[in-house]
Amino acid sequence: MVLLGMLGAAWKPIHLVWRCTAAVVE
């Protein structure tokens, strides 16, 4: 459960970086 919580907390910054990277690539 702790690992799941860490993944959930890390999802937001990862998602933001992913969107920024996709925008730059396009």
PDB file of N, CA and C in Angstrom:
ATOM      1  N   MET A   1       0.839  -1.198   0.000  1.00  0.00           N
ATOM      2  CA  MET A   1       0.000   0.000   0.000  1.00  0.00           C
ATOM      3  C   MET A   1       0.875   1.251   0.000  1.00  0.00           C
ATOM      4  N   VAL A   2       2.027   1.181   0.660  1.00  0.00           N
ATOM      5  CA  VAL A   2       2.919   2.343   0.702  1.00  0.00           C
ATOM      6  C   VAL A   2       3.430   2.652  -0.701  1.00  0.00           C
ATOM      7  N   LEU A   3       3.777   1.592  -1.440  1.00  0.00           N
ATOM      8  CA  LEU A   3       4.281   1.782  -2.800  1.00  0.00           C
ATOM      9  C   LEU A   3       3.204   2.433  -3.669  1.00  0.00           C
ATOM     10  N   LEU A   4       1.962   1.994  -3.487  1.00  0.00           N
ATOM     11  CA  LEU A   4       0.858   2.564  -4.258  1.00  0.00           C
ATOM     12  C   LEU A   4       0.693   4.048  -3.937  1.00  0.00           C
ATOM     13  N   GLY A   5       0.839   4.391  -2.658  1.00  0.00           N
ATOM     14  CA  GLY A   5       0.723   5.792  -2.243  1.00  0.00           C
ATOM     15  C   GLY A   5       1.833   6.636  -2.859  1.00  0.00           C
ATOM     16  N   MET A   6       3.050   6.089  -2.886  1.00  0.00           N
ATOM     17  CA  MET A   6       4.180   6.816  -3.471  1.00  0.00           C
ATOM     18  C   MET A   6       3.947   7.020  -4.960  1.00  0.00           C
ATOM     19  N   LEU A   7       3.444   5.995  -5.640  1.00  0.00           N
ATOM     20  CA  LEU A   7       3.174   6.098  -7.070  1.00  0.00           C
ATOM     21  C   LEU A   7       2.111   7.169  -7.334  1.00  0.00           C
ATOM     22  N   GLY A   8       1.092   7.196  -6.494  1.00  0.00           N
ATOM     23  CA  GLY A   8       0.031   8.198  -6.648  1.00  0.00           C
ATOM     24  C   GLY A   8       0.574   9.606  -6.457  1.00  0.00           C
ATOM     25  N   ALA A   9       1.478   9.781  -5.479  1.00  0.00           N
ATOM     26  CA  ALA A   9       2.043  11.098  -5.202  1.00  0.00           C
ATOM     27  C   ALA A   9       2.963  11.534  -6.335  1.00  0.00           C
ATOM     28  N   ALA A  10       3.641  10.570  -6.968  1.00  0.00           N
ATOM     29  CA  ALA A  10       4.592  10.886  -8.038  1.00  0.00           C
ATOM     30  C   ALA A  10       3.891  11.062  -9.383  1.00  0.00           C
ATOM     31  N   TRP A  11       2.651  10.606  -9.502  1.00  0.00           N
ATOM     32  CA  TRP A  11       1.952  10.645 -10.788  1.00  0.00           C
ATOM     33  C   TRP A  11       1.786  12.059 -11.317  1.00  0.00           C
ATOM     34  N   LYS A  12       1.417  13.022 -10.436  1.00  0.00           N
ATOM     35  CA  LYS A  12       1.146  14.388 -10.905  1.00  0.00           C
ATOM     36  C   LYS A  12       2.365  15.014 -11.569  1.00  0.00           C
ATOM     37  N   PRO A  13       3.540  15.079 -10.917  1.00  0.00           N
ATOM     38  CA  PRO A  13       4.722  15.663 -11.571  1.00  0.00           C
ATOM     39  C   PRO A  13       5.134  14.897 -12.820  1.00  0.00           C
ATOM     40  N   ILE A  14       5.011  13.553 -12.784  1.00  0.00           N
ATOM     41  CA  ILE A  14       5.370  12.753 -13.959  1.00  0.00           C
ATOM     42  C   ILE A  14       4.429  13.103 -15.116  1.00  0.00           C
ATOM     43  N   HIS A  15       3.156  13.237 -14.823  1.00  0.00           N
ATOM     44  CA  HIS A  15       2.170  13.562 -15.851  1.00  0.00           C
ATOM     45  C   HIS A  15       2.459  14.936 -16.453  1.00  0.00           C
ATOM     46  N   LEU A  16       2.808  15.915 -15.606  1.00  0.00           N
ATOM     47  CA  LEU A  16       3.116  17.257 -16.098  1.00  0.00           C
ATOM     48  C   LEU A  16       4.333  17.227 -17.002  1.00  0.00           C
ATOM     49  N   VAL A  17       5.379  16.512 -16.584  1.00  0.00           N
ATOM     50  CA  VAL A  17       6.598  16.425 -17.394  1.00  0.00           C
ATOM     51  C   VAL A  17       6.294  15.733 -18.716  1.00  0.00           C
ATOM     52  N   TRP A  18       5.471  14.685 -18.665  1.00  0.00           N
ATOM     53  CA  TRP A  18       5.125  13.935 -19.875  1.00  0.00           C
ATOM     54  C   TRP A  18       4.397  14.837 -20.867  1.00  0.00           C
ATOM     55  N   ARG A  19       3.454  15.643 -20.365  1.00  0.00           N
ATOM     56  CA  ARG A  19       2.701  16.539 -21.243  1.00  0.00           C
ATOM     57  C   ARG A  19       3.617  17.601 -21.828  1.00  0.00           C
ATOM     58  N   CYS A  20       4.511  18.152 -21.019  1.00  0.00           N
ATOM     59  CA  CYS A  20       5.451  19.172 -21.512  1.00  0.00           C
ATOM     60  C   CYS A  20       6.347  18.564 -22.588  1.00  0.00           C
ATOM     61  N   THR A  21       6.832  17.354 -22.352  1.00  0.00           N
ATOM     62  CA  THR A  21       7.713  16.695 -23.322  1.00  0.00           C
ATOM     63  C   THR A  21       6.955  16.438 -24.622  1.00  0.00           C
ATOM     64  N   ALA A  22       5.727  15.975 -24.530  1.00  0.00           N
ATOM     65  CA  ALA A  22       4.928  15.700 -25.722  1.00  0.00           C
ATOM     66  C   ALA A  22       4.696  16.993 -26.505  1.00  0.00           C
ATOM     67  N   ALA A  23       4.457  18.095 -25.807  1.00  0.00           N
ATOM     68  CA  ALA A  23       4.221  19.374 -26.471  1.00  0.00           C
ATOM     69  C   ALA A  23       5.477  19.831 -27.208  1.00  0.00           C
ATOM     70  N   VAL A  24       6.644  19.623 -26.610  1.00  0.00           N
ATOM     71  CA  VAL A  24       7.907  20.035 -27.229  1.00  0.00           C
ATOM     72  C   VAL A  24       8.212  19.160 -28.440  1.00  0.00           C
ATOM     73  N   VAL A  25       7.958  17.842 -28.315  1.00  0.00           N
ATOM     74  CA  VAL A  25       8.237  16.917 -29.412  1.00  0.00           C
ATOM     75  C   VAL A  25       7.358  17.257 -30.614  1.00  0.00           C
ATOM     76  N   GLU A  26       6.089  17.556 -30.371  1.00  0.00           N
ATOM     77  CA  GLU A  26       5.190  17.925 -31.462  1.00  0.00           C
ATOM     78  C   GLU A  26       5.544  19.321 -31.947  1.00  0.00           C
TER      79      GLU A  26
END
